[in-house]
All heavy atoms as atom14 arrays in JSON, in Angstrom:
{
  "sequence": "VLLLEKNDELGKKLLITGGGRCNVTNAEQDLRTLLSKFKDSDKF",
  "atom14_mask": [
    [1, 1, 1, 1, 1, 1, 1, 0, 0, 0, 0, 0, 0, 0],
    [1, 1, 1, 1, 1, 1, 1, 1, 0, 0, 0, 0, 0, 0],
    [1, 1, 1, 1, 1, 1, 1, 1, 0, 0, 0, 0, 0, 0],
    [1, 1, 1, 1, 1, 1, 1, 1, 0, 0, 0, 0, 0, 0],
    [1, 1, 1, 1, 1, 1, 1, 1, 1, 0, 0, 0, 0, 0],
    [1, 1, 1, 1, 1, 1, 1, 1, 1, 0, 0, 0, 0, 0],
    [1, 1, 1, 1, 1, 1, 1, 1, 0, 0, 0, 0, 0, 0],
    [1, 1, 1, 1, 1, 1, 1, 1, 0, 0, 0, 0, 0, 0],
    [1, 1, 1, 1, 1, 1, 1, 1, 1, 0, 0, 0, 0, 0],
    [1, 1, 1, 1, 1, 1, 1, 1, 0, 0, 0, 0, 0, 0],
    [1, 1, 1, 1, 0, 0, 0, 0, 0, 0, 0, 0, 0, 0],
    [1, 1, 1, 1, 1, 1, 1, 1, 1, 0, 0, 0, 0, 0],
    [1, 1, 1, 1, 1, 1, 1, 1, 1, 0, 0, 0, 0, 0],
    [1, 1, 1, 1, 1, 1, 1, 1, 0, 0, 0, 0, 0, 0],
    [1, 1, 1, 1, 1, 1, 1, 1, 0, 0, 0, 0, 0, 0],
    [1, 1, 1, 1, 1, 1, 1, 1, 0, 0, 0, 0, 0, 0],
    [1, 1, 1, 1, 1, 1, 1, 0, 0, 0, 0, 0, 0, 0],
    [1, 1, 1, 1, 0, 0, 0, 0, 0, 0, 0, 0, 0, 0],
    [1, 1, 1, 1, 0, 0, 0, 0, 0, 0, 0, 0, 0, 0],
    [1, 1, 1, 1, 0, 0, 0, 0, 0, 0, 0, 0, 0, 0],
    [1, 1, 1, 1, 1, 1, 1, 1, 1, 1, 1, 0, 0, 0],
    [1, 1, 1, 1, 1, 1, 0, 0, 0, 0, 0, 0, 0, 0],
    [1, 1, 1, 1, 1, 1, 1, 1, 0, 0, 0, 0, 0, 0],
    [1, 1, 1, 1, 1, 1, 1, 0, 0, 0, 0, 0, 0, 0],
    [1, 1, 1, 1, 1, 1, 1, 0, 0, 0, 0, 0, 0, 0],
    [1, 1, 1, 1, 1, 1, 1, 1, 0, 0, 0, 0, 0, 0],
    [1, 1, 1, 1, 1, 0, 0, 0, 0, 0, 0, 0, 0, 0],
    [1, 1, 1, 1, 1, 1, 1, 1, 1, 0, 0, 0, 0, 0],
    [1, 1, 1, 1, 1, 1, 1, 1, 1, 0, 0, 0, 0, 0],
    [1, 1, 1, 1, 1, 1, 1, 1, 0, 0, 0, 0, 0, 0],
    [1, 1, 1, 1, 1, 1, 1, 1, 0, 0, 0, 0, 0, 0],
    [1, 1, 1, 1, 1, 1, 1, 1, 1, 1, 1, 0, 0, 0],
    [1, 1, 1, 1, 1, 1, 1, 0, 0, 0, 0, 0, 0, 0],
    [1, 1, 1, 1, 1, 1, 1, 1, 0, 0, 0, 0, 0, 0],
    [1, 1, 1, 1, 1, 1, 1, 1, 0, 0, 0, 0, 0, 0],
    [1, 1, 1, 1, 1, 1, 0, 0, 0, 0, 0, 0, 0, 0],
    [1, 1, 1, 1, 1, 1, 1, 1, 1, 0, 0, 0, 0, 0],
    [1, 1, 1, 1, 1, 1, 1, 1, 1, 1, 1, 0, 0, 0],
    [1, 1, 1, 1, 1, 1, 1, 1, 1, 0, 0, 0, 0, 0],
    [1, 1, 1, 1, 1, 1, 1, 1, 0, 0, 0, 0, 0, 0],
    [1, 1, 1, 1, 1, 1, 0, 0, 0, 0, 0, 0, 0, 0],
    [1, 1, 1, 1, 1, 1, 1, 1, 0, 0, 0, 0, 0, 0],
    [1, 1, 1, 1, 1, 1, 1, 1, 1, 0, 0, 0, 0, 0],
    [1, 1, 1, 1, 1, 1, 1, 1, 1, 1, 1, 0, 0, 0]
  ],
  "atom14_positions": [
    [[-62.48, 137.64, 80.21], [-63.37, 138.0, 79.1], [-64.36, 139.18, 79.52], [-64.96, 139.13, 80.55], [-64.27, 136.78, 78.61], [-65.11, 137.13, 77.43], [-63.38, 135.62, 78.32], [0.0, 0.0, 0.0], [0.0, 0.0, 0.0], [0.0, 0.0, 0.0], [0.0, 0.0, 0.0], [0.0, 0.0, 0.0], [0.0, 0.0, 0.0], [0.0, 0.0, 0.0]],
    [[-64.51, 140.08, 78.62], [-65.49, 141.15, 78.75], [-66.45, 141.03, 77.59], [-66.1, 141.04, 76.44], [-64.78, 142.51, 78.7], [-65.7, 143.8, 78.71], [-66.44, 143.92, 80.07], [-64.83, 145.08, 78.47], [0.0, 0.0, 0.0], [0.0, 0.0, 0.0], [0.0, 0.0, 0.0], [0.0, 0.0, 0.0], [0.0, 0.0, 0.0], [0.0, 0.0, 0.0]],
    [[-67.77, 141.06, 77.94], [-68.81, 140.95, 76.83], [-69.58, 142.28, 76.84], [-70.09, 142.74, 77.94], [-69.74, 139.81, 77.26], [-71.0, 139.58, 76.27], [-70.59, 139.45, 74.88], [-71.82, 138.38, 76.76], [0.0, 0.0, 0.0], [0.0, 0.0, 0.0], [0.0, 0.0, 0.0], [0.0, 0.0, 0.0], [0.0, 0.0, 0.0], [0.0, 0.0, 0.0]],
    [[-69.55, 142.98, 75.67], [-70.19, 144.22, 75.57], [-71.5, 144.17, 74.94], [-71.6, 143.54, 73.83], [-69.26, 145.22, 74.8], [-67.87, 145.51, 75.37], [-67.11, 146.35, 74.4], [-67.95, 146.11, 76.71], [0.0, 0.0, 0.0], [0.0, 0.0, 0.0], [0.0, 0.0, 0.0], [0.0, 0.0, 0.0], [0.0, 0.0, 0.0], [0.0, 0.0, 0.0]],
    [[-72.6, 144.7, 75.49], [-73.96, 144.67, 74.87], [-74.56, 145.98, 74.93], [-74.56, 146.63, 75.96], [-74.79, 143.6, 75.72], [-76.28, 143.61, 75.39], [-76.58, 143.47, 73.88], [-76.1, 142.51, 73.21], [-77.27, 144.4, 73.32], [0.0, 0.0, 0.0], [0.0, 0.0, 0.0], [0.0, 0.0, 0.0], [0.0, 0.0, 0.0], [0.0, 0.0, 0.0]],
    [[-75.17, 146.47, 73.78], [-75.68, 147.82, 73.78], [-77.13, 147.89, 74.39], [-77.55, 148.9, 74.84], [-75.72, 148.38, 72.46], [-76.6, 147.87, 71.42], [-76.49, 148.75, 70.16], [-77.32, 148.25, 69.08], [-77.06, 148.92, 67.74], [0.0, 0.0, 0.0], [0.0, 0.0, 0.0], [0.0, 0.0, 0.0], [0.0, 0.0, 0.0], [0.0, 0.0, 0.0]],
    [[-77.83, 146.77, 74.44], [-79.14, 146.75, 75.09], [-79.01, 146.66, 76.64], [-77.89, 146.44, 77.13], [-79.99, 145.55, 74.6], [-80.44, 145.7, 73.22], [-80.89, 146.75, 72.82], [-80.31, 144.69, 72.45], [0.0, 0.0, 0.0], [0.0, 0.0, 0.0], [0.0, 0.0, 0.0], [0.0, 0.0, 0.0], [0.0, 0.0, 0.0], [0.0, 0.0, 0.0]],
    [[-80.15, 146.72, 77.37], [-80.02, 146.65, 78.77], [-79.91, 145.15, 79.22], [-79.57, 144.89, 80.37], [-81.19, 147.39, 79.48], [-82.54, 146.98, 78.88], [-82.57, 146.07, 78.05], [-83.59, 147.46, 79.29], [0.0, 0.0, 0.0], [0.0, 0.0, 0.0], [0.0, 0.0, 0.0], [0.0, 0.0, 0.0], [0.0, 0.0, 0.0], [0.0, 0.0, 0.0]],
    [[-80.21, 144.24, 78.32], [-80.01, 142.88, 78.72], [-79.47, 142.06, 77.52], [-79.59, 142.51, 76.38], [-81.23, 142.2, 79.27], [-82.42, 142.19, 78.3], [-83.66, 141.48, 78.94], [-83.65, 141.1, 80.11], [-84.56, 141.33, 78.2], [0.0, 0.0, 0.0], [0.0, 0.0, 0.0], [0.0, 0.0, 0.0], [0.0, 0.0, 0.0], [0.0, 0.0, 0.0]],
    [[-78.88, 140.94, 77.78], [-78.36, 140.07, 76.68], [-79.42, 139.36, 75.98], [-80.54, 139.1, 76.51], [-77.38, 139.08, 77.35], [-76.16, 139.57, 78.06], [-75.49, 138.47, 78.79], [-75.17, 140.2, 77.11], [0.0, 0.0, 0.0], [0.0, 0.0, 0.0], [0.0, 0.0, 0.0], [0.0, 0.0, 0.0], [0.0, 0.0, 0.0], [0.0, 0.0, 0.0]],
    [[-79.18, 138.9, 74.79], [-80.03, 137.96, 74.09], [-81.42, 138.33, 73.79], [-82.36, 137.57, 73.77], [0.0, 0.0, 0.0], [0.0, 0.0, 0.0], [0.0, 0.0, 0.0], [0.0, 0.0, 0.0], [0.0, 0.0, 0.0], [0.0, 0.0, 0.0], [0.0, 0.0, 0.0], [0.0, 0.0, 0.0], [0.0, 0.0, 0.0], [0.0, 0.0, 0.0]],
    [[-81.61, 139.62, 73.39], [-82.94, 140.11, 73.13], [-83.6, 139.43, 71.98], [-84.83, 139.11, 72.02], [-82.87, 141.62, 72.89], [-83.84, 142.42, 73.81], [-83.72, 143.89, 73.66], [-84.73, 144.58, 74.54], [-84.57, 146.03, 74.62], [0.0, 0.0, 0.0], [0.0, 0.0, 0.0], [0.0, 0.0, 0.0], [0.0, 0.0, 0.0], [0.0, 0.0, 0.0]],
    [[-82.85, 139.24, 70.93], [-83.43, 138.61, 69.72], [-83.68, 137.11, 69.95], [-84.7, 136.52, 69.6], [-82.55, 138.8, 68.51], [-83.24, 138.45, 67.21], [-82.22, 138.33, 66.01], [-81.64, 139.59, 65.62], [-80.92, 139.5, 64.37], [0.0, 0.0, 0.0], [0.0, 0.0, 0.0], [0.0, 0.0, 0.0], [0.0, 0.0, 0.0], [0.0, 0.0, 0.0]],
    [[-82.8, 136.51, 70.77], [-82.92, 135.07, 71.07], [-84.32, 134.84, 71.75], [-84.93, 133.79, 71.55], [-81.76, 134.69, 72.04], [-81.63, 133.3, 72.42], [-81.33, 132.41, 71.29], [-80.6, 133.09, 73.54], [0.0, 0.0, 0.0], [0.0, 0.0, 0.0], [0.0, 0.0, 0.0], [0.0, 0.0, 0.0], [0.0, 0.0, 0.0], [0.0, 0.0, 0.0]],
    [[-84.71, 135.77, 72.66], [-85.93, 135.63, 73.39], [-87.23, 135.59, 72.51], [-88.23, 135.09, 72.92], [-86.07, 136.68, 74.53], [-85.12, 136.47, 75.69], [-85.08, 137.67, 76.54], [-85.38, 135.22, 76.4], [0.0, 0.0, 0.0], [0.0, 0.0, 0.0], [0.0, 0.0, 0.0], [0.0, 0.0, 0.0], [0.0, 0.0, 0.0], [0.0, 0.0, 0.0]],
    [[-87.15, 136.19, 71.34], [-88.37, 136.15, 70.45], [-88.21, 135.19, 69.31], [-89.18, 135.08, 68.58], [-88.67, 137.62, 69.93], [-87.51, 138.12, 69.05], [-88.93, 138.57, 71.03], [-87.91, 139.39, 68.3], [0.0, 0.0, 0.0], [0.0, 0.0, 0.0], [0.0, 0.0, 0.0], [0.0, 0.0, 0.0], [0.0, 0.0, 0.0], [0.0, 0.0, 0.0]],
    [[-87.08, 134.54, 69.23], [-86.89, 133.7, 67.98], [-87.86, 132.46, 68.0], [-88.18, 132.02, 69.06], [-85.38, 133.32, 67.81], [-85.32, 132.2, 66.96], [-84.83, 132.78, 69.11], [0.0, 0.0, 0.0], [0.0, 0.0, 0.0], [0.0, 0.0, 0.0], [0.0, 0.0, 0.0], [0.0, 0.0, 0.0], [0.0, 0.0, 0.0], [0.0, 0.0, 0.0]],
    [[-88.15, 132.02, 66.72], [-88.99, 130.87, 66.61], [-90.39, 131.08, 67.36], [-90.86, 130.2, 67.93], [0.0, 0.0, 0.0], [0.0, 0.0, 0.0], [0.0, 0.0, 0.0], [0.0, 0.0, 0.0], [0.0, 0.0, 0.0], [0.0, 0.0, 0.0], [0.0, 0.0, 0.0], [0.0, 0.0, 0.0], [0.0, 0.0, 0.0], [0.0, 0.0, 0.0]],
    [[-90.91, 132.33, 67.19], [-92.22, 132.58, 67.81], [-92.13, 132.56, 69.28], [-93.1, 132.18, 70.02], [0.0, 0.0, 0.0], [0.0, 0.0, 0.0], [0.0, 0.0, 0.0], [0.0, 0.0, 0.0], [0.0, 0.0, 0.0], [0.0, 0.0, 0.0], [0.0, 0.0, 0.0], [0.0, 0.0, 0.0], [0.0, 0.0, 0.0], [0.0, 0.0, 0.0]],
    [[-90.92, 132.91, 69.89], [-90.82, 132.93, 71.38], [-90.47, 131.52, 71.9], [-90.33, 131.32, 73.15], [0.0, 0.0, 0.0], [0.0, 0.0, 0.0], [0.0, 0.0, 0.0], [0.0, 0.0, 0.0], [0.0, 0.0, 0.0], [0.0, 0.0, 0.0], [0.0, 0.0, 0.0], [0.0, 0.0, 0.0], [0.0, 0.0, 0.0], [0.0, 0.0, 0.0]],
    [[-90.47, 130.49, 70.99], [-90.14, 129.14, 71.52], [-88.72, 128.7, 71.35], [-88.18, 127.82, 72.01], [-91.02, 128.15, 70.75], [-92.54, 128.27, 71.02], [-93.3, 126.95, 70.71], [-93.04, 126.55, 69.36], [-92.9, 125.26, 69.02], [-92.88, 124.33, 69.92], [-92.77, 124.86, 67.78], [0.0, 0.0, 0.0], [0.0, 0.0, 0.0], [0.0, 0.0, 0.0]],
    [[-87.97, 129.36, 70.38], [-86.61, 129.18, 70.15], [-86.22, 127.85, 69.54], [-86.11, 126.86, 70.17], [-85.85, 129.39, 71.46], [-84.05, 129.5, 71.07], [0.0, 0.0, 0.0], [0.0, 0.0, 0.0], [0.0, 0.0, 0.0], [0.0, 0.0, 0.0], [0.0, 0.0, 0.0], [0.0, 0.0, 0.0], [0.0, 0.0, 0.0], [0.0, 0.0, 0.0]],
    [[-86.1, 127.86, 68.15], [-85.7, 126.7, 67.43], [-84.13, 126.56, 67.58], [-83.36, 127.07, 66.72], [-86.16, 126.91, 65.99], [-85.95, 125.7, 65.08], [-86.25, 125.81, 63.96], [-85.37, 124.65, 65.61], [0.0, 0.0, 0.0], [0.0, 0.0, 0.0], [0.0, 0.0, 0.0], [0.0, 0.0, 0.0], [0.0, 0.0, 0.0], [0.0, 0.0, 0.0]],
    [[-83.74, 125.77, 68.56], [-82.34, 125.81, 69.04], [-81.36, 125.33, 67.96], [-80.24, 125.78, 67.79], [-82.15, 124.82, 70.23], [-80.79, 125.03, 70.86], [-83.25, 125.08, 71.28], [0.0, 0.0, 0.0], [0.0, 0.0, 0.0], [0.0, 0.0, 0.0], [0.0, 0.0, 0.0], [0.0, 0.0, 0.0], [0.0, 0.0, 0.0], [0.0, 0.0, 0.0]],
    [[-81.75, 124.2, 67.29], [-80.97, 123.7, 66.23], [-81.76, 122.83, 65.3], [-82.97, 122.76, 65.45], [-79.72, 122.88, 66.81], [-78.86, 122.49, 65.68], [-80.09, 121.7, 67.62], [0.0, 0.0, 0.0], [0.0, 0.0, 0.0], [0.0, 0.0, 0.0], [0.0, 0.0, 0.0], [0.0, 0.0, 0.0], [0.0, 0.0, 0.0], [0.0, 0.0, 0.0]],
    [[-81.07, 122.1, 64.38], [-81.73, 121.14, 63.56], [-81.13, 119.77, 63.87], [-79.87, 119.63, 63.98], [-81.56, 121.48, 62.1], [-82.48, 120.66, 61.18], [-82.16, 119.5, 60.96], [-83.58, 121.23, 60.72], [0.0, 0.0, 0.0], [0.0, 0.0, 0.0], [0.0, 0.0, 0.0], [0.0, 0.0, 0.0], [0.0, 0.0, 0.0], [0.0, 0.0, 0.0]],
    [[-81.93, 118.72, 63.98], [-81.43, 117.42, 64.39], [-80.97, 116.47, 63.31], [-80.77, 115.36, 63.44], [-82.54, 116.71, 65.2], [0.0, 0.0, 0.0], [0.0, 0.0, 0.0], [0.0, 0.0, 0.0], [0.0, 0.0, 0.0], [0.0, 0.0, 0.0], [0.0, 0.0, 0.0], [0.0, 0.0, 0.0], [0.0, 0.0, 0.0], [0.0, 0.0, 0.0]],
    [[-80.78, 117.06, 62.11], [-80.29, 116.27, 60.93], [-78.99, 115.51, 61.39], [-78.04, 116.11, 61.81], [-79.95, 117.19, 59.77], [-79.27, 116.53, 58.58], [-79.98, 115.33, 58.05], [-81.07, 115.51, 57.54], [-79.31, 114.25, 58.05], [0.0, 0.0, 0.0], [0.0, 0.0, 0.0], [0.0, 0.0, 0.0], [0.0, 0.0, 0.0], [0.0, 0.0, 0.0]],
    [[-78.99, 114.17, 61.21], [-77.88, 113.39, 61.69], [-76.65, 113.42, 60.87], [-75.55, 113.4, 61.39], [-78.35, 111.86, 61.79], [-79.49, 111.54, 62.67], [-79.03, 111.66, 64.14], [-78.08, 111.13, 64.57], [-79.8, 112.41, 64.99], [0.0, 0.0, 0.0], [0.0, 0.0, 0.0], [0.0, 0.0, 0.0], [0.0, 0.0, 0.0], [0.0, 0.0, 0.0]],
    [[-76.84, 113.59, 59.59], [-75.68, 113.55, 58.68], [-75.18, 114.99, 58.5], [-75.84, 115.96, 57.96], [-76.04, 112.91, 57.3], [-74.9, 112.89, 56.38], [-73.97, 112.06, 56.69], [-74.89, 113.62, 55.41], [0.0, 0.0, 0.0], [0.0, 0.0, 0.0], [0.0, 0.0, 0.0], [0.0, 0.0, 0.0], [0.0, 0.0, 0.0], [0.0, 0.0, 0.0]],
    [[-73.78, 115.14, 58.83], [-73.25, 116.49, 58.8], [-73.28, 117.15, 57.35], [-73.6, 118.3, 57.15], [-71.79, 116.48, 59.33], [-71.15, 117.81, 59.53], [-71.94, 118.76, 60.39], [-69.72, 117.64, 60.13], [0.0, 0.0, 0.0], [0.0, 0.0, 0.0], [0.0, 0.0, 0.0], [0.0, 0.0, 0.0], [0.0, 0.0, 0.0], [0.0, 0.0, 0.0]],
    [[-72.95, 116.29, 56.36], [-72.95, 116.77, 55.0], [-74.3, 117.27, 54.59], [-74.5, 118.29, 53.84], [-72.35, 115.79, 54.06], [-70.88, 115.67, 54.19], [-70.1, 114.94, 53.17], [-68.7, 114.7, 53.48], [-67.77, 115.59, 53.27], [-68.08, 116.8, 52.79], [-66.49, 115.35, 53.62], [0.0, 0.0, 0.0], [0.0, 0.0, 0.0], [0.0, 0.0, 0.0]],
    [[-75.32, 116.52, 54.97], [-76.73, 116.87, 54.56], [-77.04, 118.17, 55.3], [-77.66, 119.12, 54.7], [-77.68, 115.77, 55.02], [-77.2, 114.53, 54.45], [-79.09, 116.0, 54.48], [0.0, 0.0, 0.0], [0.0, 0.0, 0.0], [0.0, 0.0, 0.0], [0.0, 0.0, 0.0], [0.0, 0.0, 0.0], [0.0, 0.0, 0.0], [0.0, 0.0, 0.0]],
    [[-76.68, 118.32, 56.51], [-76.96, 119.54, 57.31], [-76.29, 120.72, 56.65], [-76.87, 121.75, 56.47], [-76.39, 119.33, 58.74], [-76.64, 120.55, 59.7], [-77.99, 120.49, 60.28], [-75.59, 120.52, 60.84], [0.0, 0.0, 0.0], [0.0, 0.0, 0.0], [0.0, 0.0, 0.0], [0.0, 0.0, 0.0], [0.0, 0.0, 0.0], [0.0, 0.0, 0.0]],
    [[-75.0, 120.61, 56.26], [-74.27, 121.68, 55.7], [-74.76, 122.06, 54.26], [-74.63, 123.17, 53.89], [-72.77, 121.37, 55.65], [-72.09, 121.29, 56.99], [-70.65, 121.0, 56.87], [-72.25, 122.7, 57.74], [0.0, 0.0, 0.0], [0.0, 0.0, 0.0], [0.0, 0.0, 0.0], [0.0, 0.0, 0.0], [0.0, 0.0, 0.0], [0.0, 0.0, 0.0]],
    [[-75.36, 121.07, 53.58], [-75.8, 121.38, 52.25], [-76.94, 122.41, 52.29], [-77.23, 123.1, 51.27], [-76.31, 120.08, 51.61], [-77.51, 119.65, 52.13], [0.0, 0.0, 0.0], [0.0, 0.0, 0.0], [0.0, 0.0, 0.0], [0.0, 0.0, 0.0], [0.0, 0.0, 0.0], [0.0, 0.0, 0.0], [0.0, 0.0, 0.0], [0.0, 0.0, 0.0]],
    [[-77.66, 122.54, 53.45], [-78.61, 123.55, 53.54], [-78.18, 125.04, 53.52], [-78.91, 125.95, 53.34], [-79.42, 123.33, 54.85], [-80.01, 121.92, 55.02], [-81.2, 121.74, 54.18], [-81.91, 120.47, 54.55], [-82.68, 119.89, 53.49], [0.0, 0.0, 0.0], [0.0, 0.0, 0.0], [0.0, 0.0, 0.0], [0.0, 0.0, 0.0], [0.0, 0.0, 0.0]],
    [[-76.81, 125.12, 53.74], [-76.24, 126.47, 53.74], [-75.78, 126.81, 52.3], [-74.87, 127.61, 52.12], [-75.14, 126.55, 54.76], [-75.47, 126.43, 56.14], [-75.46, 125.27, 56.82], [-75.92, 127.58, 56.85], [-75.82, 125.14, 58.17], [-76.34, 127.45, 58.19], [-76.26, 126.3, 58.8], [0.0, 0.0, 0.0], [0.0, 0.0, 0.0], [0.0, 0.0, 0.0]],
    [[-76.42, 126.19, 51.32], [-76.14, 126.44, 49.91], [-74.67, 126.43, 49.61], [-73.98, 125.46, 49.97], [-76.75, 127.8, 49.46], [-78.26, 127.83, 49.64], [-78.87, 129.04, 49.09], [-80.32, 129.17, 49.53], [-80.67, 130.46, 50.08], [0.0, 0.0, 0.0], [0.0, 0.0, 0.0], [0.0, 0.0, 0.0], [0.0, 0.0, 0.0], [0.0, 0.0, 0.0]],
    [[-74.1, 127.57, 49.05], [-72.7, 127.5, 48.67], [-71.69, 127.68, 49.72], [-70.43, 127.67, 49.52], [-72.44, 128.6, 47.6], [-73.41, 128.4, 46.45], [-73.81, 127.32, 46.19], [-73.8, 129.48, 45.85], [0.0, 0.0, 0.0], [0.0, 0.0, 0.0], [0.0, 0.0, 0.0], [0.0, 0.0, 0.0], [0.0, 0.0, 0.0], [0.0, 0.0, 0.0]],
    [[-72.23, 127.88, 50.99], [-71.26, 128.12, 52.14], [-70.77, 126.86, 52.66], [-69.88, 126.92, 53.58], [-71.93, 128.92, 53.08], [-72.6, 130.07, 52.57], [0.0, 0.0, 0.0], [0.0, 0.0, 0.0], [0.0, 0.0, 0.0], [0.0, 0.0, 0.0], [0.0, 0.0, 0.0], [0.0, 0.0, 0.0], [0.0, 0.0, 0.0], [0.0, 0.0, 0.0]],
    [[-71.28, 125.64, 52.33], [-70.97, 124.43, 53.0], [-69.54, 124.16, 53.05], [-68.99, 123.64, 54.05], [-71.79, 123.24, 52.45], [-71.59, 123.11, 50.99], [-71.02, 124.01, 50.34], [-72.14, 122.03, 50.43], [0.0, 0.0, 0.0], [0.0, 0.0, 0.0], [0.0, 0.0, 0.0], [0.0, 0.0, 0.0], [0.0, 0.0, 0.0], [0.0, 0.0, 0.0]],
    [[-68.76, 124.45, 51.96], [-67.37, 124.08, 51.87], [-66.54, 124.91, 52.92], [-65.54, 124.48, 53.39], [-66.79, 124.31, 50.49], [-66.99, 125.72, 49.93], [-66.48, 125.74, 48.49], [-66.62, 127.15, 47.79], [-68.05, 127.56, 47.65], [0.0, 0.0, 0.0], [0.0, 0.0, 0.0], [0.0, 0.0, 0.0], [0.0, 0.0, 0.0], [0.0, 0.0, 0.0]],
    [[-67.02, 126.14, 53.18], [-66.38, 126.91, 54.21], [-66.64, 126.44, 55.61], [-65.75, 126.44, 56.51], [-66.87, 128.38, 54.17], [-66.43, 129.1, 52.93], [-67.38, 129.3, 51.89], [-65.21, 129.61, 52.77], [-66.95, 129.98, 50.73], [-64.77, 130.32, 51.65], [-65.69, 130.46, 50.59], [0.0, 0.0, 0.0], [0.0, 0.0, 0.0], [0.0, 0.0, 0.0]]
  ]
}
């Protein structure tokens, strides 16, 4: 595998996300409830 990145380091946006704390995921237990948050994309 070759990973190409145009910045000088990887994950630049990741480092500032969630106010620099990084909201990694959402802990909603039920998959259908979780997917319903993606509006009309859930079926995909």
